[in-house]
Amino acid sequence: MLINLSKVLSEQHETIDKTMELDTTESKLSFGTFQIVRKDLVHLVVGHVEDSKYNVFIDTKITMLLPCDRCLADVNHDFIINTTRHIDLNKSEDEPTEELDGFDESNYVQGYQLDVLQLIDNELTVAWPAKVLCHEDCMGLCNVCGVDLNKNSCECESTDVDLQMSRVRDMFKDFKEV
């Protein structure tokens, strides 16, 4: 989804105010591809500030299918994107950016084209949750056999041993009475 910015930066400084449908069913981020389950309309406003500077406001809500960090079950997670980005076309890539999100506009602005999908992917990356859980007390997978401990139990011996006590455990194994 490319938006032509030439009218915003021309002498007339027209504001772009669009509401559009997101035309994708998945999001390809640097750390994986994730299915989009539900998506609201994207509201985009691009307005001129001065010279070759302009603001991009984007507002939408996206529900994506993410894997649980403990058991890998699918979890619906809502991302609410409501942000404004300040873009300066004259800024060189070496100049530091005021925004601390780690993204400069060079990956979603190419010449006078704004890539809305790339901008949304950047915002999804910034808003990514630290931990995704299917439920708060998720037990995860067994470290030995891989069974989902939320659904089944297993007979595996626990491998979660304090390394400082491993010699003591080994000593007891060697001297077991039959």
Protein backbone atom coordinates (compact mmCIF):
# COMPACT_ATOMS: atom_id res chain seq x y z
CA MET A 1 0.00 0.00 0.00
CA LEU A 2 1.93 2.97 -1.30
CA ILE A 3 0.75 6.54 -0.74
CA ASN A 4 2.07 9.29 -3.01
CA LEU A 5 3.30 12.21 -0.88
CA SER A 6 4.00 14.68 -3.69
CA LYS A 7 0.82 16.72 -3.02
CA VAL A 8 1.75 17.12 0.64
CA LEU A 9 5.22 18.43 -0.21
CA SER A 10 4.19 20.55 -3.21
CA GLU A 11 3.35 24.26 -3.04
CA GLN A 12 -0.29 23.55 -2.11
CA HIS A 13 0.67 21.41 0.95
CA GLU A 14 -2.49 19.34 0.66
CA THR A 15 -3.26 17.07 3.61
CA ILE A 16 -3.88 13.43 2.89
CA ASP A 17 -6.69 11.99 5.02
CA LYS A 18 -7.57 8.44 4.03
CA THR A 19 -9.39 5.52 5.56
CA MET A 20 -8.43 2.30 3.84
CA GLU A 21 -8.58 -1.45 4.25
CA LEU A 22 -5.40 -3.34 5.07
CA ASP A 23 -4.83 -5.62 2.06
CA THR A 24 -2.87 -8.42 3.71
CA THR A 25 -3.64 -11.52 5.79
CA GLU A 26 -0.23 -11.83 7.42
CA SER A 27 2.52 -9.66 8.78
CA LYS A 28 6.11 -10.42 7.81
CA LEU A 29 8.33 -9.12 10.59
CA SER A 30 12.09 -9.55 10.92
CA PHE A 31 11.59 -12.36 13.47
CA GLY A 32 8.77 -14.27 11.77
CA THR A 33 5.55 -14.26 9.79
CA PHE A 34 2.30 -14.03 11.76
CA GLN A 35 -1.31 -14.47 10.66
CA ILE A 36 -3.68 -11.51 10.93
CA VAL A 37 -7.01 -12.75 12.30
CA ARG A 38 -8.90 -9.45 12.37
CA LYS A 39 -8.12 -5.95 11.14
CA ASP A 40 -9.91 -2.66 11.46
CA LEU A 41 -9.82 0.01 8.80
CA VAL A 42 -6.60 2.05 8.75
CA HIS A 43 -7.01 5.78 9.25
CA LEU A 44 -4.03 7.70 7.84
CA VAL A 45 -3.40 11.45 7.94
CA VAL A 46 -0.31 13.01 6.36
CA GLY A 47 0.15 16.73 6.92
CA HIS A 48 2.85 19.24 5.98
CA VAL A 49 4.86 20.84 8.81
CA GLU A 50 7.56 22.91 7.08
CA ASP A 51 9.94 22.63 4.15
CA SER A 52 10.35 18.90 3.56
CA LYS A 53 9.02 17.90 6.96
CA TYR A 54 5.63 16.31 7.53
CA ASN A 55 3.71 14.27 10.10
CA VAL A 56 2.15 10.87 9.51
CA PHE A 57 -0.66 9.85 11.86
CA ILE A 58 -1.89 6.26 11.72
CA ASP A 59 -4.72 4.65 13.68
CA THR A 60 -5.90 1.03 13.48
CA LYS A 61 -6.39 -2.16 15.47
CA ILE A 62 -5.00 -5.52 14.38
CA THR A 63 -5.53 -8.94 15.98
CA MET A 64 -2.76 -11.42 15.25
CA LEU A 65 -2.24 -15.10 16.03
CA LEU A 66 0.88 -15.44 18.20
CA PRO A 67 2.39 -18.58 19.76
CA CYS A 68 2.34 -18.91 23.56
CA ASP A 69 5.89 -18.56 24.88
CA ARG A 70 5.47 -21.61 27.13
CA CYS A 71 3.31 -24.17 25.28
CA LEU A 72 3.25 -22.82 21.68
CA ALA A 73 -0.59 -22.75 21.56
CA ASP A 74 -2.10 -20.07 19.32
CA VAL A 75 -3.13 -16.87 21.13
CA ASN A 76 -5.13 -13.97 19.70
CA HIS A 77 -3.33 -10.73 20.58
CA ASP A 78 -4.68 -7.23 19.88
CA PHE A 79 -2.33 -4.51 18.68
CA ILE A 80 -3.71 -0.98 18.88
CA ILE A 81 -1.72 1.33 16.63
CA ASN A 82 -2.34 4.99 17.28
CA THR A 83 0.80 7.00 16.62
CA THR A 84 2.29 10.01 14.87
CA ARG A 85 5.63 9.88 13.10
CA HIS A 86 7.62 13.01 12.24
CA ILE A 87 9.47 12.72 8.94
CA ASP A 88 12.19 14.98 7.57
CA LEU A 89 13.19 14.14 4.00
CA ASN A 90 16.34 16.32 4.23
CA LYS A 91 17.75 14.48 7.25
CA SER A 92 20.74 12.31 6.42
CA GLU A 93 20.90 8.73 7.64
CA ASP A 94 23.87 9.58 9.89
CA GLU A 95 21.97 12.17 11.93
CA PRO A 96 20.54 10.92 15.21
CA THR A 97 16.77 10.63 15.43
CA GLU A 98 14.70 12.11 18.26
CA GLU A 99 12.47 9.05 18.36
CA LEU A 100 13.79 6.17 20.43
CA ASP A 101 11.92 3.34 18.70
CA GLY A 102 14.92 2.28 16.62
CA PHE A 103 13.26 2.92 13.25
CA ASP A 104 13.99 5.80 11.00
CA GLU A 105 11.74 6.64 8.11
CA SER A 106 14.14 5.28 5.49
CA ASN A 107 12.53 1.84 5.53
CA TYR A 108 8.95 3.06 4.94
CA VAL A 109 9.56 6.24 2.90
CA GLN A 110 11.13 5.85 -0.54
CA GLY A 111 11.35 9.15 -2.40
CA TYR A 112 7.81 10.54 -2.36
CA GLN A 113 6.15 7.20 -1.59
CA LEU A 114 4.98 6.13 1.88
CA ASP A 115 4.75 2.34 2.36
CA VAL A 116 1.83 1.96 4.80
CA LEU A 117 2.35 -1.80 5.30
CA GLN A 118 6.00 -1.28 6.27
CA LEU A 119 4.99 1.52 8.67
CA ILE A 120 2.43 -0.78 10.30
CA ASP A 121 4.99 -3.60 10.53
CA ASN A 122 7.39 -1.21 12.28
CA GLU A 123 4.68 -0.26 14.77
CA LEU A 124 3.86 -3.94 15.38
CA THR A 125 7.52 -4.63 16.11
CA VAL A 126 7.69 -1.75 18.60
CA ALA A 127 4.45 -2.86 20.30
CA TRP A 128 5.43 -6.56 20.46
CA PRO A 129 4.66 -7.99 23.93
CA ALA A 130 7.54 -9.12 26.14
CA LYS A 131 5.76 -12.41 26.89
CA VAL A 132 2.78 -14.03 25.19
CA LEU A 133 0.85 -16.52 27.34
CA CYS A 134 -2.28 -18.53 26.51
CA HIS A 135 -3.30 -18.13 30.18
CA GLU A 136 -1.50 -16.82 33.27
CA ASP A 137 -0.80 -20.25 34.81
CA CYS A 138 0.32 -21.98 31.60
CA MET A 139 2.52 -24.94 32.54
CA GLY A 140 4.31 -25.11 29.19
CA LEU A 141 5.94 -28.15 27.59
CA CYS A 142 7.89 -30.93 29.29
CA ASN A 143 11.62 -30.36 28.83
CA VAL A 144 12.20 -34.06 28.22
CA CYS A 145 9.33 -35.49 26.13
CA GLY A 146 7.68 -32.28 24.88
CA VAL A 147 4.13 -33.08 26.02
CA ASP A 148 1.84 -30.08 26.65
CA LEU A 149 1.58 -30.08 30.45
CA ASN A 150 -1.67 -28.08 30.30
CA LYS A 151 -3.42 -31.03 28.63
CA ASN A 152 -1.50 -34.12 29.79
CA SER A 153 0.95 -35.15 32.45
CA CYS A 154 4.10 -37.10 31.82
CA GLU A 155 6.24 -39.54 33.74
CA CYS A 156 9.54 -37.87 32.95
CA GLU A 157 11.98 -37.18 35.77
CA SER A 158 12.36 -33.49 36.36
CA THR A 159 15.56 -32.15 34.82
CA ASP A 160 15.32 -28.87 36.69
CA VAL A 161 18.16 -29.55 39.13
CA ASP A 162 20.21 -27.01 40.95
CA LEU A 163 23.68 -27.40 39.42
CA GLN A 164 25.29 -26.88 42.81
CA MET A 165 23.41 -29.90 44.15
CA SER A 166 24.02 -32.16 41.14
CA ARG A 167 27.03 -33.86 42.77
CA VAL A 168 24.97 -34.68 45.85
CA ARG A 169 22.23 -36.15 43.62
CA ASP A 170 24.78 -38.22 41.72
CA MET A 171 26.22 -39.49 45.00
CA PHE A 172 22.80 -40.73 46.12
CA LYS A 173 22.23 -42.42 42.74
CA ASP A 174 25.51 -44.33 43.09
CA PHE A 175 24.73 -45.60 46.60
CA LYS A 176 21.09 -46.61 46.20
CA GLU A 177 20.10 -49.72 48.11
CA VAL A 178 18.31 -52.32 46.09
